[in-house]
C-alpha atoms as a PDB file:
ATOM      1  CA  MET A   1      17.325  86.573  89.384  1.00  0.00           C
ATOM      2  CA  PHE A   2      19.377  87.389  92.640  1.00  0.00           C
ATOM      3  CA  PHE A   3      18.070  87.709  96.088  1.00  0.00           C
ATOM      4  CA  THR A   4      19.477  89.267  99.187  1.00  0.00           C
ATOM      5  CA  THR A   5      18.573  90.443 102.583  1.00  0.00           C
ATOM      6  CA  ASP A   6      17.585  94.012 103.428  1.00  0.00           C
ATOM      7  CA  ALA A   7      20.717  94.160 105.947  1.00  0.00           C
ATOM      8  CA  LEU A   8      23.091  93.405 102.995  1.00  0.00           C
ATOM      9  CA  LEU A   9      21.315  95.896 100.679  1.00  0.00           C
ATOM     10  CA  GLN A  10      21.722  98.805 103.429  1.00  0.00           C
ATOM     11  CA  GLN A  11      25.187  97.807 104.617  1.00  0.00           C
ATOM     12  CA  HIS A  12      27.069  96.903 101.496  1.00  0.00           C
ATOM     13  CA  PRO A  13      25.405  98.388  98.280  1.00  0.00           C
ATOM     14  CA  ASP A  14      28.582  98.789  96.625  1.00  0.00           C
ATOM     15  CA  LEU A  15      29.465  95.244  96.920  1.00  0.00           C
ATOM     16  CA  LEU A  16      26.178  94.125  95.576  1.00  0.00           C
ATOM     17  CA  LYS A  17      26.592  96.607  92.776  1.00  0.00           C
ATOM     18  CA  SER A  18      29.830  95.215  91.907  1.00  0.00           C
ATOM     19  CA  PHE A  19      28.405  91.733  92.109  1.00  0.00           C
ATOM     20  CA  LEU A  20      25.645  92.478  89.620  1.00  0.00           C
ATOM     21  CA  GLU A  21      28.025  94.106  87.336  1.00  0.00           C
ATOM     22  CA  ALA A  22      30.468  91.128  87.417  1.00  0.00           C
ATOM     23  CA  SER A  23      27.607  88.580  86.986  1.00  0.00           C
ATOM     24  CA  PHE A  24      26.000  90.303  84.022  1.00  0.00           C
ATOM     25  CA  GLU A  25      29.365  90.930  82.347  1.00  0.00           C
ATOM     26  CA  GLY A  26      29.976  87.058  83.119  1.00  0.00           C
ATOM     27  CA  TRP A  27      26.934  86.093  81.361  1.00  0.00           C
ATOM     28  CA  GLN A  28      27.829  88.260  78.365  1.00  0.00           C
ATOM     29  CA  ARG A  29      31.108  86.708  77.991  1.00  0.00           C
ATOM     30  CA  ALA A  30      29.987  83.085  78.607  1.00  0.00           C
ATOM     31  CA  LEU A  31      27.249  83.586  75.914  1.00  0.00           C
ATOM     32  CA  ALA A  32      29.714  85.310  73.323  1.00  0.00           C
ATOM     33  CA  ASP A  33      31.758  82.172  73.222  1.00  0.00           C
ATOM     34  CA  ILE A  34      29.401  79.077  74.112  1.00  0.00           C
ATOM     35  CA  PRO A  35      31.948  76.396  72.755  1.00  0.00           C
ATOM     36  CA  GLY A  36      34.980  77.976  74.773  1.00  0.00           C
ATOM     37  CA  THR A  37      32.584  78.333  78.032  1.00  0.00           C
ATOM     38  CA  ALA A  38      31.534  74.757  77.585  1.00  0.00           C
ATOM     39  CA  LYS A  39      34.995  73.455  77.346  1.00  0.00           C
ATOM     40  CA  LEU A  40      35.963  75.663  80.501  1.00  0.00           C
ATOM     41  CA  VAL A  41      33.106  74.537  82.469  1.00  0.00           C
ATOM     42  CA  ALA A  42      33.589  70.735  81.684  1.00  0.00           C
ATOM     43  CA  GLU A  43      37.389  70.665  82.299  1.00  0.00           C
ATOM     44  CA  THR A  44      37.596  73.128  85.512  1.00  0.00           C
ATOM     45  CA  TYR A  45      34.090  73.082  87.508  1.00  0.00           C
ATOM     46  CA  ALA A  46      32.481  69.431  86.319  1.00  0.00           C
ATOM     47  CA  GLU A  47      32.933  66.612  88.807  1.00  0.00           C
ATOM     48  CA  LYS A  48      35.470  64.527  87.338  1.00  0.00           C
ATOM     49  CA  GLY A  49      33.705  61.331  85.854  1.00  0.00           C
ATOM     50  CA  SER A  50      30.229  62.664  85.748  1.00  0.00           C
ATOM     51  CA  LYS A  51      28.253  63.586  82.587  1.00  0.00           C
ATOM     52  CA  TYR A  52      29.209  67.290  83.088  1.00  0.00           C
ATOM     53  CA  THR A  53      32.731  66.752  81.897  1.00  0.00           C
ATOM     54  CA  ASN A  54      31.236  66.172  78.477  1.00  0.00           C
ATOM     55  CA  VAL A  55      31.773  69.282  76.321  1.00  0.00           C
ATOM     56  CA  ASP A  56      29.179  68.659  73.954  1.00  0.00           C
ATOM     57  CA  TYR A  57      26.559  68.218  76.680  1.00  0.00           C
ATOM     58  CA  GLN A  58      27.831  71.510  78.424  1.00  0.00           C
ATOM     59  CA  GLN A  59      27.378  73.294  74.892  1.00  0.00           C
ATOM     60  CA  LYS A  60      23.986  72.267  74.222  1.00  0.00           C
ATOM     61  CA  SER A  61      22.970  73.169  77.918  1.00  0.00           C
ATOM     62  CA  LEU A  62      24.787  76.727  77.359  1.00  0.00           C
ATOM     63  CA  GLU A  63      22.981  77.026  74.090  1.00  0.00           C
ATOM     64  CA  LEU A  64      19.472  76.341  75.954  1.00  0.00           C
ATOM     65  CA  VAL A  65      20.322  78.585  78.716  1.00  0.00           C
ATOM     66  CA  GLY A  66      21.494  81.368  76.096  1.00  0.00           C
ATOM     67  CA  GLU A  67      18.068  80.923  74.320  1.00  0.00           C
ATOM     68  CA  TYR A  68      16.275  81.387  77.641  1.00  0.00           C
ATOM     69  CA  VAL A  69      18.555  84.320  78.615  1.00  0.00           C
ATOM     70  CA  MET A  70      18.464  86.171  75.569  1.00  0.00           C
ATOM     71  CA  ARG A  71      14.713  86.019  74.714  1.00  0.00           C
ATOM     72  CA  GLY A  72      14.630  89.115  72.409  1.00  0.00           C
ATOM     73  CA  ILE A  73      17.207  91.053  73.789  1.00  0.00           C
ATOM     74  CA  GLU A  74      20.915  92.215  72.868  1.00  0.00           C
ATOM     75  CA  PRO A  75      23.865  90.788  74.813  1.00  0.00           C
ATOM     76  CA  ASN A  76      24.226  94.547  76.619  1.00  0.00           C
ATOM     77  CA  GLN A  77      20.791  94.199  77.819  1.00  0.00           C
ATOM     78  CA  ILE A  78      21.609  91.098  80.019  1.00  0.00           C
ATOM     79  CA  GLY A  79      20.476  92.239  83.469  1.00  0.00           C
ATOM     80  CA  LEU A  80      17.942  94.862  82.407  1.00  0.00           C
ATOM     81  CA  ILE A  81      14.773  95.184  84.747  1.00  0.00           C
ATOM     82  CA  VAL A  82      11.675  96.514  83.377  1.00  0.00           C
ATOM     83  CA  PRO A  83       9.584  97.173  86.421  1.00  0.00           C
ATOM     84  CA  GLU A  84       6.082  96.325  84.776  1.00  0.00           C
ATOM     85  CA  GLN A  85       7.288  93.027  83.619  1.00  0.00           C
ATOM     86  CA  TRP A  86       8.533  92.173  87.039  1.00  0.00           C
ATOM     87  CA  GLN A  87       5.265  93.158  88.682  1.00  0.00           C
ATOM     88  CA  GLN A  88       3.430  91.069  86.090  1.00  0.00           C
ATOM     89  CA  THR A  89       5.676  88.032  87.028  1.00  0.00           C
ATOM     90  CA  THR A  90       5.222  88.491  90.592  1.00  0.00           C
ATOM     91  CA  ASP A  91       1.431  88.667  90.217  1.00  0.00           C
ATOM     92  CA  LEU A  92       1.456  85.353  88.271  1.00  0.00           C
ATOM     93  CA  MET A  93       3.711  83.641  90.704  1.00  0.00           C
ATOM     94  CA  ALA A  94       0.780  84.450  93.334  1.00  0.00           C
ATOM     95  CA  GLN A  95      -1.769  83.387  90.844  1.00  0.00           C
ATOM     96  CA  TYR A  96      -0.109  79.958  90.453  1.00  0.00           C
ATOM     97  CA  GLY A  97       0.535  79.423  94.055  1.00  0.00           C
ATOM     98  CA  ILE A  98       4.329  79.847  94.012  1.00  0.00           C
ATOM     99  CA  ILE A  99       4.089  82.672  96.538  1.00  0.00           C
ATOM    100  CA  GLU A 100       1.291  83.517  98.984  1.00  0.00           C
ATOM    101  CA  THR A 101       0.683  87.162  97.932  1.00  0.00           C
ATOM    102  CA  ALA A 102       2.397  89.442  95.255  1.00  0.00           C
ATOM    103  CA  PRO A 103       4.253  92.113  96.843  1.00  0.00           C
ATOM    104  CA  GLY A 104       4.542  95.581  95.254  1.00  0.00           C
ATOM    105  CA  LEU A 105       7.578  96.860  93.534  1.00  0.00           C
ATOM    106  CA  GLU A 106       8.429  99.051  96.524  1.00  0.00           C
ATOM    107  CA  SER A 107       9.175  96.091  98.577  1.00  0.00           C
ATOM    108  CA  SER A 108      10.422  93.653  96.042  1.00  0.00           C
ATOM    109  CA  LEU A 109      12.543  95.660  93.688  1.00  0.00           C
ATOM    110  CA  ASP A 110      15.542  97.824  94.519  1.00  0.00           C
ATOM    111  CA  LEU A 111      16.519  99.683  91.144  1.00  0.00           C
ATOM    112  CA  SER A 112      19.053 101.921  92.832  1.00  0.00           C
ATOM    113  CA  LEU A 113      21.860  99.339  92.685  1.00  0.00           C
ATOM    114  CA  TRP A 114      21.593  98.483  88.914  1.00  0.00           C
ATOM    115  CA  ALA A 115      21.770 101.131  86.256  1.00  0.00           C
ATOM    116  CA  GLY A 116      20.288  98.518  83.842  1.00  0.00           C
ATOM    117  CA  SER A 117      16.673  99.251  84.315  1.00  0.00           C
ATOM    118  CA  GLU A 118      13.905 101.076  82.656  1.00  0.00           C
END
């Protein structure tokens, strides 16, 4: 999930759209080659000497994240937004006290930036 400000949405919509495209493509690539991604993360991004440099640890982490991200969808559906599910999730967040009140779709979701929505 990504968040931004109204100002950024209004002033730089093309930048945000490019960011979303790159992010979802990155997830598709990362999950298409979990062993390669784990090696890259461990060797390039993990703090030297930390447990995160362990490739097996990174691979298991990515497999778990992949299960969460891919729950019943195809790789080309990463980033798909279903407004009804969005509202249901927002309502549950309010019900569980995570947020004070559930905003409506019109104030919490801008589908104009992403073609990947139903």
